[in-house]
């Protein structure tokens, strides 16, 4: 998979091919962040250490959520541009 932030897209087909992996990566980051947050909350409520301290689980969840943001932004901007292109073709 090509890194979309490294250089601009050449054409519409190249942009479409990036949508699915970026959306999947965003979902994986969101899921992992939710799991880490839940582990941190459970560890704090039970007053136990689940491999890491509860605060470490919550910090890890924040880091994973933030790491997923560029993927969601790339996906969202690509969908917006494809939608604008479809509207402009519809008017013509």
N, C-alpha and C. Protein backbone atom coordinates (compact mmCIF):
# COMPACT_ATOMS: atom_id res chain seq x y z
N UNK A 1 0.84 -1.18 0.00
CA UNK A 1 0.00 0.00 0.00
C UNK A 1 0.88 1.24 0.00
N UNK A 2 0.53 2.17 -0.84
CA UNK A 2 1.26 3.42 -0.96
C UNK A 2 0.90 4.36 0.18
N UNK A 3 1.85 5.13 0.66
CA UNK A 3 1.59 6.10 1.72
C UNK A 3 1.01 7.37 1.09
N UNK A 4 -0.25 7.69 1.37
CA UNK A 4 -0.87 8.84 0.71
C UNK A 4 -0.30 10.18 1.14
N UNK A 5 0.35 10.25 2.28
CA UNK A 5 0.93 11.51 2.72
C UNK A 5 2.29 11.75 2.10
N UNK A 6 2.89 10.75 1.46
CA UNK A 6 4.22 10.90 0.87
C UNK A 6 4.17 11.73 -0.41
N UNK A 7 3.18 11.49 -1.24
CA UNK A 7 3.04 12.24 -2.49
C UNK A 7 1.56 12.26 -2.89
N UNK A 8 1.14 13.23 -3.66
CA UNK A 8 -0.28 13.32 -4.01
C UNK A 8 -0.74 12.17 -4.90
N UNK A 9 -2.05 11.96 -4.92
CA UNK A 9 -2.63 10.93 -5.77
C UNK A 9 -2.49 11.32 -7.23
N UNK A 10 -2.27 10.34 -8.07
CA UNK A 10 -2.14 10.58 -9.51
C UNK A 10 -3.50 10.64 -10.20
N UNK A 11 -4.41 9.76 -9.80
CA UNK A 11 -5.73 9.75 -10.43
C UNK A 11 -6.77 9.20 -9.47
N UNK A 12 -8.00 9.15 -9.92
CA UNK A 12 -9.12 8.73 -9.10
C UNK A 12 -9.03 7.26 -8.71
N UNK A 13 -8.58 6.41 -9.61
CA UNK A 13 -8.49 4.98 -9.32
C UNK A 13 -7.46 4.70 -8.22
N UNK A 14 -6.38 5.46 -8.23
CA UNK A 14 -5.37 5.30 -7.19
C UNK A 14 -5.94 5.72 -5.83
N UNK A 15 -6.76 6.75 -5.82
CA UNK A 15 -7.39 7.20 -4.58
C UNK A 15 -8.37 6.15 -4.08
N UNK A 16 -9.14 5.55 -4.98
CA UNK A 16 -10.10 4.52 -4.58
C UNK A 16 -9.41 3.30 -3.99
N UNK A 17 -8.25 2.95 -4.53
CA UNK A 17 -7.53 1.78 -4.02
C UNK A 17 -6.99 2.01 -2.61
N UNK A 18 -6.86 3.25 -2.19
CA UNK A 18 -6.37 3.57 -0.86
C UNK A 18 -7.48 3.59 0.18
N UNK A 19 -8.72 3.74 -0.26
CA UNK A 19 -9.83 3.88 0.70
C UNK A 19 -10.00 2.66 1.59
N UNK A 20 -10.03 1.48 1.03
CA UNK A 20 -10.29 0.29 1.82
C UNK A 20 -9.22 0.01 2.87
N UNK A 21 -7.93 0.03 2.52
CA UNK A 21 -6.91 -0.20 3.56
C UNK A 21 -6.89 0.87 4.64
N UNK A 22 -7.14 2.12 4.26
CA UNK A 22 -7.16 3.19 5.26
C UNK A 22 -8.34 3.04 6.20
N UNK A 23 -9.50 2.69 5.66
CA UNK A 23 -10.67 2.47 6.52
C UNK A 23 -10.46 1.29 7.45
N UNK A 24 -9.87 0.22 6.94
CA UNK A 24 -9.61 -0.96 7.77
C UNK A 24 -8.59 -0.64 8.85
N UNK A 25 -7.55 0.09 8.51
CA UNK A 25 -6.54 0.45 9.51
C UNK A 25 -7.14 1.36 10.58
N UNK A 26 -8.00 2.26 10.17
CA UNK A 26 -8.68 3.12 11.13
C UNK A 26 -9.56 2.31 12.08
N UNK A 27 -10.27 1.33 11.54
CA UNK A 27 -11.11 0.48 12.38
C UNK A 27 -10.26 -0.33 13.37
N UNK A 28 -9.13 -0.84 12.91
CA UNK A 28 -8.25 -1.62 13.80
C UNK A 28 -7.73 -0.75 14.93
N UNK A 29 -7.30 0.47 14.61
CA UNK A 29 -6.82 1.38 15.66
C UNK A 29 -7.93 1.73 16.64
N UNK A 30 -9.12 1.97 16.12
CA UNK A 30 -10.24 2.30 17.01
C UNK A 30 -10.55 1.12 17.92
N UNK A 31 -10.59 -0.10 17.38
CA UNK A 31 -10.89 -1.29 18.17
C UNK A 31 -9.82 -1.52 19.24
N UNK A 32 -8.55 -1.43 18.87
CA UNK A 32 -7.47 -1.61 19.85
C UNK A 32 -7.52 -0.54 20.93
N UNK A 33 -7.79 0.70 20.54
CA UNK A 33 -7.91 1.77 21.53
C UNK A 33 -9.04 1.51 22.51
N UNK A 34 -10.17 1.02 22.01
CA UNK A 34 -11.30 0.71 22.90
C UNK A 34 -10.94 -0.45 23.83
N UNK A 35 -10.27 -1.47 23.32
CA UNK A 35 -9.86 -2.61 24.17
C UNK A 35 -8.89 -2.14 25.26
N UNK A 36 -7.92 -1.31 24.88
CA UNK A 36 -6.96 -0.82 25.86
C UNK A 36 -7.64 0.04 26.92
N UNK A 37 -8.59 0.88 26.50
CA UNK A 37 -9.30 1.72 27.47
C UNK A 37 -10.12 0.86 28.42
N UNK A 38 -10.79 -0.16 27.90
CA UNK A 38 -11.59 -1.04 28.76
C UNK A 38 -10.68 -1.79 29.74
N UNK A 39 -9.54 -2.27 29.26
CA UNK A 39 -8.60 -2.94 30.17
C UNK A 39 -8.13 -1.99 31.27
N UNK A 40 -7.87 -0.74 30.92
CA UNK A 40 -7.45 0.23 31.93
C UNK A 40 -8.54 0.52 32.94
N UNK A 41 -9.79 0.62 32.49
CA UNK A 41 -10.91 0.88 33.39
C UNK A 41 -11.14 -0.32 34.31
N UNK A 42 -11.11 -1.52 33.75
CA UNK A 42 -11.30 -2.73 34.57
C UNK A 42 -10.17 -2.88 35.58
N UNK A 43 -8.94 -2.66 35.16
CA UNK A 43 -7.80 -2.80 36.07
C UNK A 43 -7.88 -1.77 37.19
N UNK A 44 -8.32 -0.56 36.87
CA UNK A 44 -8.43 0.47 37.90
C UNK A 44 -9.58 0.16 38.86
N UNK A 45 -10.70 -0.32 38.33
CA UNK A 45 -11.85 -0.62 39.19
C UNK A 45 -11.56 -1.81 40.10
N UNK A 46 -10.84 -2.81 39.58
CA UNK A 46 -10.53 -4.00 40.37
C UNK A 46 -9.28 -3.82 41.22
N UNK A 47 -8.60 -2.70 41.02
CA UNK A 47 -7.37 -2.39 41.76
C UNK A 47 -6.32 -3.50 41.59
N UNK A 48 -6.14 -3.94 40.33
CA UNK A 48 -5.15 -4.96 40.00
C UNK A 48 -4.28 -4.46 38.84
N UNK A 49 -3.21 -5.17 38.59
CA UNK A 49 -2.34 -4.86 37.47
C UNK A 49 -2.50 -5.95 36.41
N UNK A 50 -2.98 -5.58 35.24
CA UNK A 50 -3.17 -6.53 34.14
C UNK A 50 -2.02 -6.40 33.14
N UNK A 51 -0.83 -6.73 33.57
CA UNK A 51 0.34 -6.60 32.71
C UNK A 51 0.95 -5.22 32.80
N UNK A 52 0.12 -4.21 32.68
CA UNK A 52 0.55 -2.81 32.82
C UNK A 52 -0.29 -2.16 33.92
N UNK A 53 0.18 -1.04 34.42
CA UNK A 53 -0.63 -0.27 35.37
C UNK A 53 -1.86 0.29 34.64
N UNK A 54 -2.95 0.54 35.37
CA UNK A 54 -4.17 1.06 34.71
C UNK A 54 -3.94 2.35 33.93
N UNK A 55 -3.13 3.24 34.47
CA UNK A 55 -2.87 4.51 33.77
C UNK A 55 -2.13 4.24 32.45
N UNK A 56 -1.24 3.26 32.46
CA UNK A 56 -0.51 2.93 31.24
C UNK A 56 -1.45 2.41 30.16
N UNK A 57 -2.46 1.61 30.54
CA UNK A 57 -3.44 1.13 29.57
C UNK A 57 -4.21 2.30 28.97
N UNK A 58 -4.57 3.27 29.81
CA UNK A 58 -5.33 4.42 29.30
C UNK A 58 -4.47 5.31 28.40
N UNK A 59 -3.21 5.48 28.76
CA UNK A 59 -2.30 6.26 27.90
C UNK A 59 -2.09 5.53 26.57
N UNK A 60 -1.96 4.21 26.63
CA UNK A 60 -1.81 3.43 25.41
C UNK A 60 -3.05 3.55 24.52
N UNK A 61 -4.23 3.58 25.14
CA UNK A 61 -5.47 3.76 24.38
C UNK A 61 -5.48 5.12 23.68
N UNK A 62 -5.06 6.16 24.37
CA UNK A 62 -5.02 7.50 23.77
C UNK A 62 -4.04 7.53 22.60
N UNK A 63 -2.87 6.91 22.78
CA UNK A 63 -1.87 6.89 21.71
C UNK A 63 -2.41 6.17 20.48
N UNK A 64 -3.11 5.04 20.68
CA UNK A 64 -3.64 4.29 19.54
C UNK A 64 -4.76 5.07 18.85
N UNK A 65 -5.62 5.72 19.64
CA UNK A 65 -6.67 6.55 19.03
C UNK A 65 -6.07 7.68 18.19
N UNK A 66 -5.04 8.33 18.72
CA UNK A 66 -4.39 9.42 17.99
C UNK A 66 -3.68 8.88 16.75
N UNK A 67 -3.09 7.69 16.85
CA UNK A 67 -2.40 7.09 15.70
C UNK A 67 -3.39 6.76 14.59
N UNK A 68 -4.64 6.51 14.92
CA UNK A 68 -5.65 6.19 13.91
C UNK A 68 -6.22 7.41 13.21
N UNK A 69 -6.01 8.60 13.75
CA UNK A 69 -6.59 9.81 13.16
C UNK A 69 -6.14 10.09 11.73
N UNK A 70 -4.85 9.98 11.39
CA UNK A 70 -4.47 10.23 9.99
C UNK A 70 -5.16 9.28 9.00
N UNK A 71 -5.40 8.06 9.44
CA UNK A 71 -6.07 7.10 8.56
C UNK A 71 -7.51 7.52 8.31
N UNK A 72 -8.20 7.94 9.37
CA UNK A 72 -9.58 8.39 9.20
C UNK A 72 -9.65 9.68 8.40
N UNK A 73 -8.68 10.59 8.61
CA UNK A 73 -8.68 11.84 7.83
C UNK A 73 -8.45 11.57 6.35
N UNK A 74 -7.51 10.67 6.03
CA UNK A 74 -7.27 10.31 4.64
C UNK A 74 -8.51 9.70 4.02
N UNK A 75 -9.15 8.81 4.74
CA UNK A 75 -10.37 8.17 4.25
C UNK A 75 -11.48 9.20 4.04
N UNK A 76 -11.67 10.08 5.01
CA UNK A 76 -12.73 11.08 4.91
C UNK A 76 -12.52 12.07 3.78
N UNK A 77 -11.30 12.54 3.63
CA UNK A 77 -11.02 13.49 2.55
C UNK A 77 -11.18 12.82 1.19
N UNK A 78 -10.73 11.57 1.07
CA UNK A 78 -10.88 10.85 -0.20
C UNK A 78 -12.35 10.66 -0.55
N UNK A 79 -13.17 10.28 0.44
CA UNK A 79 -14.60 10.12 0.19
C UNK A 79 -15.24 11.44 -0.21
N UNK A 80 -14.83 12.52 0.44
CA UNK A 80 -15.37 13.85 0.11
C UNK A 80 -15.02 14.24 -1.32
N UNK A 81 -13.77 14.02 -1.71
CA UNK A 81 -13.36 14.38 -3.06
C UNK A 81 -14.08 13.53 -4.11
N UNK A 82 -14.27 12.24 -3.82
CA UNK A 82 -15.01 11.40 -4.76
C UNK A 82 -16.47 11.84 -4.86
N UNK A 83 -17.05 12.25 -3.74
CA UNK A 83 -18.43 12.75 -3.77
C UNK A 83 -18.54 14.05 -4.55
N UNK A 84 -17.58 14.96 -4.37
CA UNK A 84 -17.61 16.21 -5.13
C UNK A 84 -17.46 15.94 -6.62
N UNK A 85 -16.63 14.98 -6.98
CA UNK A 85 -16.45 14.64 -8.38
C UNK A 85 -17.74 14.07 -8.97
N UNK A 86 -18.42 13.24 -8.19
CA UNK A 86 -19.68 12.66 -8.67
C UNK A 86 -20.74 13.73 -8.85
N UNK A 87 -20.79 14.72 -7.95
CA UNK A 87 -21.76 15.81 -8.07
C UNK A 87 -21.48 16.65 -9.31
N UNK A 88 -20.20 16.93 -9.55
CA UNK A 88 -19.86 17.76 -10.71
C UNK A 88 -20.17 17.04 -12.01
N UNK A 89 -20.01 15.73 -12.06
CA UNK A 89 -20.36 14.97 -13.26
C UNK A 89 -21.88 14.92 -13.45
N UNK A 90 -22.61 14.91 -12.34
CA UNK A 90 -24.06 14.85 -12.40
C UNK A 90 -24.65 16.15 -12.98
N UNK A 91 -24.03 17.28 -12.65
CA UNK A 91 -24.50 18.58 -13.14
C UNK A 91 -24.23 18.76 -14.62
N UNK A 92 -23.20 18.12 -15.14
CA UNK A 92 -22.83 18.30 -16.55
C UNK A 92 -23.71 17.54 -17.47
